[in-house]
Amino acid sequence: METGELTFFNYDGDAREDLYKACEDIKSNTALGAYSVDYMQPLPRQIVSYYRADLNITYKRTAQEVDSIVALSVGLRELPLALTGMLENLETYTAFSVISSSANAEEITSMFRAAYLDSLLECPVMPDISVSIYPDSGIERIVEVSLEYGYTEGELFAMRSDLKAALRGFADLLDREREALSVIAIAERLAELCAPDETGGSDALPQNTAVGALIRGAADSEGYALACLAVLRNLGFECELVSGALDREVHYWNIVRIDGEYYHFDVSRLAADGVWNTCLRRDEDMAARYFWDVEGYPVCDGALTYAELFPVEEPEA
């Protein structure tokens, strides 16, 4: 607990009542107060013609925690980059000072998900996120972000190293003259290296991660799609993770930009459905079995087809 002293001269209001209100306002409605102060108790007393008040303050944060608050100067626009930095450095806690009356945990969690996809090469697993915002309303806020990876720092660094080593194994598939051939070859190798696994994977390498797919060799559709995303982005391709449904079950796949046009690729279904049914697919090809937020992703209407790239020769008469 810390103590202080305030002195009031020629104060026309009700010093006792106003002091209590001011302390409550600081503790509840200011960013730094709501974040760091646990209890404020004013003890005012009148001394002849003036007031003197002892002030007792109990903090719920250390001075080091308060000093480490990261100030973001342009509101939430800087937060995605800051979250990416947390993930790439495998940090577990940061508090950000922001100017934003609209900040909310749902929006920040969505930013975090996007930041994770941009940090796949450095952050091998997606941690659980906890977001707290101080105070509940107002323009000046402190956003507290806590991350729980579920692994020791040593385990995370080992996963990162293994992931980068695995990604280097795809460089030989890069055909700089035919992007489509490169992406199909990568999809086929991923399908060869990894087996479908919807059981939950192991504690060491969960099945819904790129590490699970590329190192453990077993993954669910999310793990396949994250592995594809990591490989293609590492080789310079524009690639997105699609979250949707297949036959009304939660499912993940990718959208890839090839020669300026976009196509669907579902590596997790390649072995079962065939490369011609899972690679270089347009929106109209996917509509019968797949569901996704069409407006949230690029339109896939490219002209390339698997049959065009790999024509089947007609038998001689």
C-alpha atoms as a PDB file:
ATOM      1  CA  MET A   1       0.000   0.000   0.000  1.00  0.00           C
ATOM      2  CA  GLU A   2       1.187   3.498  -0.763  1.00  0.00           C
ATOM      3  CA  THR A   3       0.136   6.701   0.967  1.00  0.00           C
ATOM      4  CA  GLY A   4      -0.036  10.330  -0.036  1.00  0.00           C
ATOM      5  CA  GLU A   5      -1.333  13.625   1.226  1.00  0.00           C
ATOM      6  CA  LEU A   6      -3.585  16.251  -0.362  1.00  0.00           C
ATOM      7  CA  THR A   7      -4.221  19.754   0.944  1.00  0.00           C
ATOM      8  CA  PHE A   8      -7.211  21.940  -0.042  1.00  0.00           C
ATOM      9  CA  PHE A   9      -7.260  25.721   0.464  1.00  0.00           C
ATOM     10  CA  ASN A  10     -10.292  27.936  -0.151  1.00  0.00           C
ATOM     11  CA  TYR A  11     -12.353  24.997  -1.433  1.00  0.00           C
ATOM     12  CA  ASP A  12     -16.013  25.970  -1.856  1.00  0.00           C
ATOM     13  CA  GLY A  13     -17.431  22.495  -2.459  1.00  0.00           C
ATOM     14  CA  ASP A  14     -17.932  19.528  -0.183  1.00  0.00           C
ATOM     15  CA  ALA A  15     -14.308  18.396   0.046  1.00  0.00           C
ATOM     16  CA  ARG A  16     -15.119  15.090   1.711  1.00  0.00           C
ATOM     17  CA  GLU A  17     -17.791  14.021  -0.790  1.00  0.00           C
ATOM     18  CA  ASP A  18     -15.912  15.298  -3.833  1.00  0.00           C
ATOM     19  CA  LEU A  19     -12.731  13.524  -2.783  1.00  0.00           C
ATOM     20  CA  TYR A  20     -14.506  10.190  -2.482  1.00  0.00           C
ATOM     21  CA  LYS A  21     -16.095  10.703  -5.906  1.00  0.00           C
ATOM     22  CA  ALA A  22     -12.747  11.626  -7.453  1.00  0.00           C
ATOM     23  CA  CYS A  23     -11.070   8.499  -6.060  1.00  0.00           C
ATOM     24  CA  GLU A  24     -13.864   6.269  -7.344  1.00  0.00           C
ATOM     25  CA  ASP A  25     -13.686   7.949 -10.759  1.00  0.00           C
ATOM     26  CA  ILE A  26      -9.928   7.378 -10.985  1.00  0.00           C
ATOM     27  CA  LYS A  27     -10.224   3.724  -9.955  1.00  0.00           C
ATOM     28  CA  SER A  28     -13.179   2.886 -12.185  1.00  0.00           C
ATOM     29  CA  ASN A  29     -13.193   5.216 -15.176  1.00  0.00           C
ATOM     30  CA  THR A  30      -9.586   5.982 -16.094  1.00  0.00           C
ATOM     31  CA  ALA A  31      -7.480   3.509 -18.047  1.00  0.00           C
ATOM     32  CA  LEU A  32      -4.492   3.457 -15.735  1.00  0.00           C
ATOM     33  CA  GLY A  33      -6.641   3.485 -12.609  1.00  0.00           C
ATOM     34  CA  ALA A  34      -8.910   0.640 -13.725  1.00  0.00           C
ATOM     35  CA  TYR A  35      -5.872  -1.390 -14.802  1.00  0.00           C
ATOM     36  CA  SER A  36      -3.582  -0.836 -11.842  1.00  0.00           C
ATOM     37  CA  VAL A  37      -5.510   0.348  -8.755  1.00  0.00           C
ATOM     38  CA  ASP A  38      -7.235  -2.133  -6.460  1.00  0.00           C
ATOM     39  CA  TYR A  39      -8.378   0.224  -3.694  1.00  0.00           C
ATOM     40  CA  MET A  40      -8.245   3.969  -2.925  1.00  0.00           C
ATOM     41  CA  GLN A  41      -9.246   5.317   0.489  1.00  0.00           C
ATOM     42  CA  PRO A  42      -9.255   9.054   1.183  1.00  0.00           C
ATOM     43  CA  LEU A  43      -9.196  10.166   4.821  1.00  0.00           C
ATOM     44  CA  PRO A  44     -10.052  13.901   4.752  1.00  0.00           C
ATOM     45  CA  ARG A  45     -10.098  16.102   7.804  1.00  0.00           C
ATOM     46  CA  GLN A  46     -10.672  19.825   8.291  1.00  0.00           C
ATOM     47  CA  ILE A  47      -7.934  21.878   9.903  1.00  0.00           C
ATOM     48  CA  VAL A  48      -9.271  25.333  10.748  1.00  0.00           C
ATOM     49  CA  SER A  49      -9.587  26.984   7.304  1.00  0.00           C
ATOM     50  CA  TYR A  50      -8.357  24.200   5.035  1.00  0.00           C
ATOM     51  CA  TYR A  51      -8.687  20.475   4.417  1.00  0.00           C
ATOM     52  CA  ARG A  52      -5.978  17.864   4.504  1.00  0.00           C
ATOM     53  CA  ALA A  53      -6.545  14.325   3.267  1.00  0.00           C
ATOM     54  CA  ASP A  54      -4.409  11.235   3.668  1.00  0.00           C
ATOM     55  CA  LEU A  55      -4.752   8.953   0.661  1.00  0.00           C
ATOM     56  CA  ASN A  56      -4.167   5.191   0.924  1.00  0.00           C
ATOM     57  CA  ILE A  57      -3.740   3.332  -2.368  1.00  0.00           C
ATOM     58  CA  THR A  58      -3.495  -0.435  -2.882  1.00  0.00           C
ATOM     59  CA  TYR A  59      -2.259  -1.553  -6.316  1.00  0.00           C
ATOM     60  CA  LYS A  60      -2.994  -4.760  -8.181  1.00  0.00           C
ATOM     61  CA  ARG A  61      -0.065  -4.228 -10.589  1.00  0.00           C
ATOM     62  CA  THR A  62       3.622  -3.806  -9.944  1.00  0.00           C
ATOM     63  CA  ALA A  63       5.473  -0.666 -10.986  1.00  0.00           C
ATOM     64  CA  GLN A  64       7.312  -2.765 -13.567  1.00  0.00           C
ATOM     65  CA  GLU A  65       4.026  -3.917 -15.106  1.00  0.00           C
ATOM     66  CA  VAL A  66       2.775  -0.344 -15.369  1.00  0.00           C
ATOM     67  CA  ASP A  67       6.071   0.855 -16.872  1.00  0.00           C
ATOM     68  CA  SER A  68       5.946  -1.922 -19.503  1.00  0.00           C
ATOM     69  CA  ILE A  69       2.594  -0.831 -20.987  1.00  0.00           C
ATOM     70  CA  VAL A  70       3.056  -0.398 -24.747  1.00  0.00           C
ATOM     71  CA  ALA A  71       1.496   2.799 -26.094  1.00  0.00           C
ATOM     72  CA  LEU A  72      -0.159   2.537 -29.527  1.00  0.00           C
ATOM     73  CA  SER A  73      -0.458   5.997 -31.026  1.00  0.00           C
ATOM     74  CA  VAL A  74      -3.131   5.401 -33.696  1.00  0.00           C
ATOM     75  CA  GLY A  75      -5.707   3.352 -31.875  1.00  0.00           C
ATOM     76  CA  LEU A  76      -6.356  -0.251 -32.844  1.00  0.00           C
ATOM     77  CA  ARG A  77      -4.764   0.085 -36.284  1.00  0.00           C
ATOM     78  CA  GLU A  78      -1.364  -0.721 -34.785  1.00  0.00           C
ATOM     79  CA  LEU A  79      -2.636  -3.674 -32.771  1.00  0.00           C
ATOM     80  CA  PRO A  80      -2.448  -6.401 -35.490  1.00  0.00           C
ATOM     81  CA  LEU A  81       1.255  -5.680 -36.014  1.00  0.00           C
ATOM     82  CA  ALA A  82       1.812  -5.609 -32.253  1.00  0.00           C
ATOM     83  CA  LEU A  83       0.057  -8.985 -31.863  1.00  0.00           C
ATOM     84  CA  THR A  84       2.181 -10.409 -34.678  1.00  0.00           C
ATOM     85  CA  GLY A  85       5.252  -9.277 -32.772  1.00  0.00           C
ATOM     86  CA  MET A  86       4.025 -11.043 -29.636  1.00  0.00           C
ATOM     87  CA  LEU A  87       3.527 -14.289 -31.520  1.00  0.00           C
ATOM     88  CA  GLU A  88       6.815 -14.155 -33.391  1.00  0.00           C
ATOM     89  CA  ASN A  89       8.651 -13.604 -30.105  1.00  0.00           C
ATOM     90  CA  LEU A  90       6.547 -16.254 -28.336  1.00  0.00           C
ATOM     91  CA  GLU A  91       5.566 -13.720 -25.670  1.00  0.00           C
ATOM     92  CA  THR A  92       2.897 -14.557 -23.105  1.00  0.00           C
ATOM     93  CA  TYR A  93       1.735 -11.149 -21.873  1.00  0.00           C
ATOM     94  CA  THR A  94       1.529  -7.543 -23.029  1.00  0.00           C
ATOM     95  CA  ALA A  95      -0.638  -4.576 -22.042  1.00  0.00           C
ATOM     96  CA  PHE A  96      -1.332  -1.965 -24.708  1.00  0.00           C
ATOM     97  CA  SER A  97      -2.487   1.617 -24.204  1.00  0.00           C
ATOM     98  CA  VAL A  98      -4.900   2.577 -26.999  1.00  0.00           C
ATOM     99  CA  ILE A  99      -7.216   5.403 -27.973  1.00  0.00           C
ATOM    100  CA  SER A 100     -10.417   3.617 -28.930  1.00  0.00           C
ATOM    101  CA  SER A 101     -13.957   3.785 -27.598  1.00  0.00           C
ATOM    102  CA  SER A 102     -14.965   0.772 -29.710  1.00  0.00           C
ATOM    103  CA  ALA A 103     -12.311  -1.723 -28.583  1.00  0.00           C
ATOM    104  CA  ASN A 104     -13.832  -5.076 -27.646  1.00  0.00           C
ATOM    105  CA  ALA A 105     -12.500  -8.554 -26.908  1.00  0.00           C
ATOM    106  CA  GLU A 106     -14.208 -10.191 -29.907  1.00  0.00           C
ATOM    107  CA  GLU A 107     -12.595  -7.813 -32.395  1.00  0.00           C
ATOM    108  CA  ILE A 108      -9.185  -8.203 -30.793  1.00  0.00           C
ATOM    109  CA  THR A 109      -9.481 -11.996 -30.815  1.00  0.00           C
ATOM    110  CA  SER A 110     -10.257 -11.825 -34.549  1.00  0.00           C
ATOM    111  CA  MET A 111      -7.160  -9.656 -35.074  1.00  0.00           C
ATOM    112  CA  PHE A 112      -5.176 -12.224 -33.126  1.00  0.00           C
ATOM    113  CA  ARG A 113      -6.311 -15.062 -35.377  1.00  0.00           C
ATOM    114  CA  ALA A 114      -5.198 -13.113 -38.460  1.00  0.00           C
ATOM    115  CA  ALA A 115      -1.888 -12.271 -36.761  1.00  0.00           C
ATOM    116  CA  TYR A 116      -1.301 -15.967 -36.052  1.00  0.00           C
ATOM    117  CA  LEU A 117      -1.743 -16.828 -39.724  1.00  0.00           C
ATOM    118  CA  ASP A 118       0.848 -14.164 -40.567  1.00  0.00           C
ATOM    119  CA  SER A 119       3.239 -15.647 -37.976  1.00  0.00           C
ATOM    120  CA  LEU A 120       3.106 -19.351 -38.853  1.00  0.00           C
ATOM    121  CA  LEU A 121       6.823 -19.661 -39.541  1.00  0.00           C
ATOM    122  CA  GLU A 122       7.734 -18.242 -36.125  1.00  0.00           C
ATOM    123  CA  CYS A 123       4.825 -19.406 -33.962  1.00  0.00           C
ATOM    124  CA  PRO A 124       4.298 -23.157 -34.455  1.00  0.00           C
ATOM    125  CA  VAL A 125       1.033 -23.447 -32.483  1.00  0.00           C
ATOM    126  CA  MET A 126      -1.836 -21.049 -31.938  1.00  0.00           C
ATOM    127  CA  PRO A 127      -2.014 -20.163 -28.229  1.00  0.00           C
ATOM    128  CA  ASP A 128      -5.196 -19.585 -26.283  1.00  0.00           C
ATOM    129  CA  ILE A 129      -5.844 -15.880 -25.872  1.00  0.00           C
ATOM    130  CA  SER A 130      -7.382 -13.974 -22.992  1.00  0.00           C
ATOM    131  CA  VAL A 131      -8.316 -10.303 -23.503  1.00  0.00           C
ATOM    132  CA  SER A 132      -9.246  -7.791 -20.811  1.00  0.00           C
ATOM    133  CA  ILE A 133      -9.987  -4.105 -21.465  1.00  0.00           C
ATOM    134  CA  TYR A 134      -9.759  -1.315 -18.874  1.00  0.00           C
ATOM    135  CA  PRO A 135     -12.062   0.482 -18.265  1.00  0.00           C
ATOM    136  CA  ASP A 136     -15.245  -1.011 -19.738  1.00  0.00           C
ATOM    137  CA  SER A 137     -15.953   2.188 -21.684  1.00  0.00           C
ATOM    138  CA  GLY A 138     -14.255   5.420 -22.626  1.00  0.00           C
ATOM    139  CA  ILE A 139     -11.752   6.609 -25.196  1.00  0.00           C
ATOM    140  CA  GLU A 140      -8.461   5.926 -23.410  1.00  0.00           C
ATOM    141  CA  ARG A 141      -8.228   2.186 -22.717  1.00  0.00           C
ATOM    142  CA  ILE A 142      -5.667  -0.418 -21.722  1.00  0.00           C
ATOM    143  CA  VAL A 143      -5.925  -3.721 -23.587  1.00  0.00           C
ATOM    144  CA  GLU A 144      -4.415  -6.641 -21.684  1.00  0.00           C
ATOM    145  CA  VAL A 145      -3.473  -9.681 -23.801  1.00  0.00           C
ATOM    146  CA  SER A 146      -2.418 -12.976 -22.205  1.00  0.00           C
ATOM    147  CA  LEU A 147      -1.333 -15.966 -24.308  1.00  0.00           C
ATOM    148  CA  GLU A 148      -1.122 -19.598 -23.193  1.00  0.00           C
ATOM    149  CA  TYR A 149       0.813 -21.830 -25.597  1.00  0.00           C
ATOM    150  CA  GLY A 150       0.566 -25.079 -23.671  1.00  0.00           C
ATOM    151  CA  TYR A 151       4.264 -25.822 -24.226  1.00  0.00           C
ATOM    152  CA  THR A 152       7.537 -24.753 -22.684  1.00  0.00           C
ATOM    153  CA  GLU A 153       9.656 -22.165 -24.448  1.00  0.00           C
ATOM    154  CA  GLY A 154      12.177 -24.884 -25.287  1.00  0.00           C
ATOM    155  CA  GLU A 155       9.492 -27.058 -26.879  1.00  0.00           C
ATOM    156  CA  LEU A 156       8.203 -24.120 -28.921  1.00  0.00           C
ATOM    157  CA  PHE A 157      11.675 -23.259 -30.204  1.00  0.00           C
ATOM    158  CA  ALA A 158      12.240 -26.915 -31.159  1.00  0.00           C
ATOM    159  CA  MET A 159       8.914 -27.002 -33.045  1.00  0.00           C
ATOM    160  CA  ARG A 160       9.827 -23.787 -34.845  1.00  0.00           C
ATOM    161  CA  SER A 161      13.176 -25.212 -35.922  1.00  0.00           C
ATOM    162  CA  ASP A 162      11.598 -28.484 -37.122  1.00  0.00           C
ATOM    163  CA  LEU A 163       8.906 -26.599 -39.035  1.00  0.00           C
ATOM    164  CA  LYS A 164      11.408 -24.424 -40.891  1.00  0.00           C
ATOM    165  CA  ALA A 165      13.494 -27.480 -41.750  1.00  0.00           C
ATOM    166  CA  ALA A 166      10.404 -29.235 -43.127  1.00  0.00           C
ATOM    167  CA  LEU A 167       9.474 -26.211 -45.244  1.00  0.00           C
ATOM    168  CA  ARG A 168      12.902 -26.198 -46.890  1.00  0.00           C
ATOM    169  CA  GLY A 169      12.088 -29.646 -48.248  1.00  0.00           C
ATOM    170  CA  PHE A 170       9.510 -28.183 -50.655  1.00  0.00           C
ATOM    171  CA  ALA A 171      11.817 -25.764 -52.489  1.00  0.00           C
ATOM    172  CA  ASP A 172      12.666 -28.329 -55.176  1.00  0.00           C
ATOM    173  CA  LEU A 173       9.018 -28.351 -56.307  1.00  0.00           C
ATOM    174  CA  LEU A 174       9.059 -24.698 -57.352  1.00  0.00           C
ATOM    175  CA  ASP A 175       8.506 -24.309 -61.123  1.00  0.00           C
ATOM    176  CA  ARG A 176       8.935 -20.609 -61.799  1.00  0.00           C
ATOM    177  CA  GLU A 177       7.461 -20.899 -65.291  1.00  0.00           C
ATOM    178  CA  ARG A 178       4.274 -22.739 -64.325  1.00  0.00           C
ATOM    179  CA  GLU A 179       2.913 -21.701 -60.953  1.00  0.00           C
ATOM    180  CA  ALA A 180       0.018 -24.143 -61.180  1.00  0.00           C
ATOM    181  CA  LEU A 181       2.366 -27.107 -61.548  1.00  0.00           C
ATOM    182  CA  SER A 182       4.275 -25.982 -58.463  1.00  0.00           C
ATOM    183  CA  VAL A 183       1.161 -25.699 -56.297  1.00  0.00           C
ATOM    184  CA  ILE A 184      -0.246 -29.044 -57.436  1.00  0.00           C
ATOM    185  CA  ALA A 185       3.100 -30.748 -56.789  1.00  0.00           C
ATOM    186  CA  ILE A 186       3.188 -29.222 -53.299  1.00  0.00           C
ATOM    187  CA  ALA A 187      -0.377 -30.364 -52.594  1.00  0.00           C
ATOM    188  CA  GLU A 188       0.475 -33.901 -53.726  1.00  0.00           C
ATOM    189  CA  ARG A 189       3.592 -34.037 -51.548  1.00  0.00           C
ATOM    190  CA  LEU A 190       1.648 -32.797 -48.528  1.00  0.00           C
ATOM    191  CA  ALA A 191      -0.905 -35.550 -49.116  1.00  0.00           C
ATOM    192  CA  GLU A 192       1.912 -38.115 -49.304  1.00  0.00           C
ATOM    193  CA  LEU A 193       3.625 -36.880 -46.135  1.00  0.00           C
ATOM    194  CA  CYS A 194       0.515 -36.570 -44.002  1.00  0.00           C
ATOM    195  CA  ALA A 195      -2.395 -38.851 -43.131  1.00  0.00           C
ATOM    196  CA  PRO A 196      -5.881 -37.680 -42.099  1.00  0.00           C
ATOM    197  CA  ASP A 197      -6.386 -37.613 -38.321  1.00  0.00           C
ATOM    198  CA  GLU A 198      -9.533 -36.320 -36.648  1.00  0.00           C
ATOM    199  CA  THR A 199      -8.748 -37.863 -33.237  1.00  0.00           C
ATOM    200  CA  GLY A 200      -7.127 -34.812 -31.676  1.00  0.00           C
ATOM    201  CA  GLY A 201      -3.485 -35.748 -32.173  1.00  0.00           C
ATOM    202  CA  SER A 202      -0.905 -35.939 -29.418  1.00  0.00           C
ATOM    203  CA  ASP A 203      -0.015 -33.475 -26.711  1.00  0.00           C
ATOM    204  CA  ALA A 204       3.387 -32.987 -28.347  1.00  0.00           C
ATOM    205  CA  LEU A 205       2.160 -32.196 -31.846  1.00  0.00           C
ATOM    206  CA  PRO A 206      -1.559 -31.391 -32.156  1.00  0.00           C
ATOM    207  CA  GLN A 207      -3.292 -32.382 -35.368  1.00  0.00           C
ATOM    208  CA  ASN A 208      -4.721 -28.911 -36.091  1.00  0.00           C
ATOM    209  CA  THR A 209      -1.327 -27.298 -36.716  1.00  0.00           C
ATOM    210  CA  ALA A 210       1.175 -27.110 -39.551  1.00  0.00           C
ATOM    211  CA  VAL A 211       3.698 -28.767 -37.221  1.00  0.00           C
ATOM    212  CA  GLY A 212       1.355 -31.710 -36.704  1.00  0.00           C
ATOM    213  CA  ALA A 213       0.956 -32.135 -40.447  1.00  0.00           C
ATOM    214  CA  LEU A 214       4.592 -31.670 -41.463  1.00  0.00           C
ATOM    215  CA  ILE A 215       6.427 -33.214 -38.500  1.00  0.00           C
ATOM    216  CA  ARG A 216       4.018 -35.695 -36.932  1.00  0.00           C
ATOM    217  CA  GLY A 217       2.642 -36.694 -40.321  1.00  0.00           C
ATOM    218  CA  ALA A 218      -1.022 -36.674 -39.286  1.00  0.00           C
ATOM    219  CA  ALA A 219      -3.521 -33.836 -39.287  1.00  0.00           C
ATOM    220  CA  ASP A 220      -7.137 -32.813 -39.527  1.00  0.00           C
ATOM    221  CA  SER A 221      -8.315 -30.473 -42.282  1.00  0.00           C
ATOM    222  CA  GLU A 222      -7.122 -27.405 -40.360  1.00  0.00           C
ATOM    223  CA  GLY A 223      -3.647 -28.876 -39.957  1.00  0.00           C
ATOM    224  CA  TYR A 224      -3.474 -29.700 -43.678  1.00  0.00           C
ATOM    225  CA  ALA A 225      -4.626 -26.209 -44.631  1.00  0.00           C
ATOM    226  CA  LEU A 226      -2.178 -24.512 -42.240  1.00  0.00           C
ATOM    227  CA  ALA A 227       0.671 -26.649 -43.596  1.00  0.00           C
ATOM    228  CA  CYS A 228      -0.296 -25.700 -47.150  1.00  0.00           C
ATOM    229  CA  LEU A 229      -0.480 -22.042 -46.111  1.00  0.00           C
ATOM    230  CA  ALA A 230       2.968 -22.170 -44.493  1.00  0.00           C
ATOM    231  CA  VAL A 231       4.616 -23.917 -47.448  1.00  0.00           C
ATOM    232  CA  LEU A 232       3.101 -21.691 -50.128  1.00  0.00           C
ATOM    233  CA  ARG A 233       3.681 -18.401 -48.320  1.00  0.00           C
ATOM    234  CA  ASN A 234       7.248 -19.468 -47.598  1.00  0.00           C
ATOM    235  CA  LEU A 235       7.737 -19.942 -51.358  1.00  0.00           C
ATOM    236  CA  GLY A 236       6.199 -16.580 -52.194  1.00  0.00           C
ATOM    237  CA  PHE A 237       2.656 -17.557 -53.168  1.00  0.00           C
ATOM    238  CA  GLU A 238      -0.418 -15.619 -52.087  1.00  0.00           C
ATOM    239  CA  CYS A 239      -2.482 -18.088 -50.087  1.00  0.00           C
ATOM    240  CA  GLU A 240      -5.377 -17.877 -47.634  1.00  0.00           C
ATOM    241  CA  LEU A 241      -6.880 -20.233 -45.081  1.00  0.00           C
ATOM    242  CA  VAL A 242     -10.604 -20.813 -45.628  1.00  0.00           C
ATOM    243  CA  SER A 243     -12.802 -21.683 -42.668  1.00  0.00           C
ATOM    244  CA  GLY A 244     -16.068 -23.255 -43.745  1.00  0.00           C
ATOM    245  CA  ALA A 245     -17.844 -26.580 -43.969  1.00  0.00           C
ATOM    246  CA  LEU A 246     -17.746 -29.739 -46.077  1.00  0.00           C
ATOM    247  CA  ASP A 247     -20.919 -31.813 -46.115  1.00  0.00           C
ATOM    248  CA  ARG A 248     -22.120 -29.678 -43.164  1.00  0.00           C
ATOM    249  CA  GLU A 249     -19.072 -30.506 -41.033  1.00  0.00           C
ATOM    250  CA  VAL A 250     -16.475 -27.905 -39.990  1.00  0.00           C
ATOM    251  CA  HIS A 251     -13.713 -27.945 -42.563  1.00  0.00           C
ATOM    252  CA  TYR A 252     -10.655 -25.959 -43.676  1.00  0.00           C
ATOM    253  CA  TRP A 253      -8.952 -25.580 -47.026  1.00  0.00           C
ATOM    254  CA  ASN A 254      -7.008 -22.980 -49.011  1.00  0.00           C
ATOM    255  CA  ILE A 255      -7.445 -20.376 -51.715  1.00  0.00           C
ATOM    256  CA  VAL A 256      -4.318 -19.797 -53.812  1.00  0.00           C
ATOM    257  CA  ARG A 257      -3.492 -17.068 -56.324  1.00  0.00           C
ATOM    258  CA  ILE A 258      -1.985 -18.540 -59.494  1.00  0.00           C
ATOM    259  CA  ASP A 259      -1.024 -16.377 -62.466  1.00  0.00           C
ATOM    260  CA  GLY A 260      -3.262 -13.595 -61.156  1.00  0.00           C
ATOM    261  CA  GLU A 261      -6.360 -15.765 -60.618  1.00  0.00           C
ATOM    262  CA  TYR A 262      -7.701 -17.559 -57.553  1.00  0.00           C
ATOM    263  CA  TYR A 263      -8.446 -21.255 -57.037  1.00  0.00           C
ATOM    264  CA  HIS A 264      -9.542 -23.559 -54.216  1.00  0.00           C
ATOM    265  CA  PHE A 265      -7.215 -26.329 -52.996  1.00  0.00           C
ATOM    266  CA  ASP A 266      -8.312 -28.913 -50.414  1.00  0.00           C
ATOM    267  CA  VAL A 267      -5.223 -30.950 -49.594  1.00  0.00           C
ATOM    268  CA  SER A 268      -6.926 -32.903 -46.806  1.00  0.00           C
ATOM    269  CA  ARG A 269      -9.283 -34.492 -49.361  1.00  0.00           C
ATOM    270  CA  LEU A 270      -6.723 -35.063 -52.104  1.00  0.00           C
ATOM    271  CA  ALA A 271      -5.999 -38.710 -51.286  1.00  0.00           C
ATOM    272  CA  ALA A 272      -9.678 -39.618 -50.950  1.00  0.00           C
ATOM    273  CA  ASP A 273     -11.224 -37.547 -53.760  1.00  0.00           C
ATOM    274  CA  GLY A 274      -8.357 -37.288 -56.245  1.00  0.00           C
ATOM    275  CA  VAL A 275      -6.227 -34.330 -57.258  1.00  0.00           C
ATOM    276  CA  TRP A 276      -8.610 -33.378 -60.074  1.00  0.00           C
ATOM    277  CA  ASN A 277     -11.460 -32.923 -57.567  1.00  0.00           C
ATOM    278  CA  THR A 278      -9.465 -31.016 -54.954  1.00  0.00           C
ATOM    279  CA  CYS A 279      -6.996 -28.768 -56.800  1.00  0.00           C
ATOM    280  CA  LEU A 280      -7.561 -25.808 -59.141  1.00  0.00           C
ATOM    281  CA  ARG A 281     -11.242 -25.676 -58.227  1.00  0.00           C
ATOM    282  CA  ARG A 282     -13.525 -22.730 -58.944  1.00  0.00           C
ATOM    283  CA  ASP A 283     -16.337 -21.486 -56.724  1.00  0.00           C
ATOM    284  CA  GLU A 284     -18.899 -23.228 -58.886  1.00  0.00           C
ATOM    285  CA  ASP A 285     -17.000 -26.518 -58.573  1.00  0.00           C
ATOM    286  CA  MET A 286     -17.121 -26.323 -54.774  1.00  0.00           C
ATOM    287  CA  ALA A 287     -20.718 -25.192 -54.322  1.00  0.00           C
ATOM    288  CA  ALA A 288     -22.317 -28.644 -54.166  1.00  0.00           C
ATOM    289  CA  ARG A 289     -20.521 -29.883 -51.035  1.00  0.00           C
ATOM    290  CA  TYR A 290     -18.694 -26.915 -49.542  1.00  0.00           C
ATOM    291  CA  PHE A 291     -19.959 -23.889 -47.670  1.00  0.00           C
ATOM    292  CA  TRP A 292     -17.981 -20.733 -46.846  1.00  0.00           C
ATOM    293  CA  ASP A 293     -18.441 -16.989 -46.493  1.00  0.00           C
ATOM    294  CA  VAL A 294     -18.168 -16.174 -50.186  1.00  0.00           C
ATOM    295  CA  GLU A 295     -17.962 -12.420 -49.576  1.00  0.00           C
ATOM    296  CA  GLY A 296     -15.096 -12.882 -47.139  1.00  0.00           C
ATOM    297  CA  TYR A 297     -12.701 -14.449 -49.642  1.00  0.00           C
ATOM    298  CA  PRO A 298     -11.456 -13.789 -53.185  1.00  0.00           C
ATOM    299  CA  VAL A 299     -13.679 -14.961 -56.022  1.00  0.00           C
ATOM    300  CA  CYS A 300     -12.281 -18.170 -57.495  1.00  0.00           C
ATOM    301  CA  ASP A 301     -13.097 -18.198 -61.196  1.00  0.00           C
ATOM    302  CA  GLY A 302      -9.746 -18.890 -62.868  1.00  0.00           C
ATOM    303  CA  ALA A 303      -9.559 -20.443 -66.304  1.00  0.00           C
ATOM    304  CA  LEU A 304      -7.024 -23.188 -65.549  1.00  0.00           C
ATOM    305  CA  THR A 305      -8.179 -26.780 -65.100  1.00  0.00           C
ATOM    306  CA  TYR A 306      -6.394 -29.948 -64.071  1.00  0.00           C
ATOM    307  CA  ALA A 307      -7.399 -31.581 -67.358  1.00  0.00           C
ATOM    308  CA  GLU A 308      -5.745 -28.757 -69.283  1.00  0.00           C
ATOM    309  CA  LEU A 309      -2.483 -29.166 -67.402  1.00  0.00           C
ATOM    310  CA  PHE A 310      -2.493 -32.954 -67.590  1.00  0.00           C
ATOM    311  CA  PRO A 311      -4.424 -33.947 -70.711  1.00  0.00           C
ATOM    312  CA  VAL A 312      -5.330 -37.592 -71.121  1.00  0.00           C
ATOM    313  CA  GLU A 313      -4.303 -38.930 -74.499  1.00  0.00           C
ATOM    314  CA  GLU A 314      -7.019 -40.601 -76.521  1.00  0.00           C
ATOM    315  CA  PRO A 315      -6.211 -44.231 -77.367  1.00  0.00           C
ATOM    316  CA  GLU A 316      -5.355 -44.910 -80.986  1.00  0.00           C
ATOM    317  CA  ALA A 317      -8.098 -46.491 -83.079  1.00  0.00           C
END
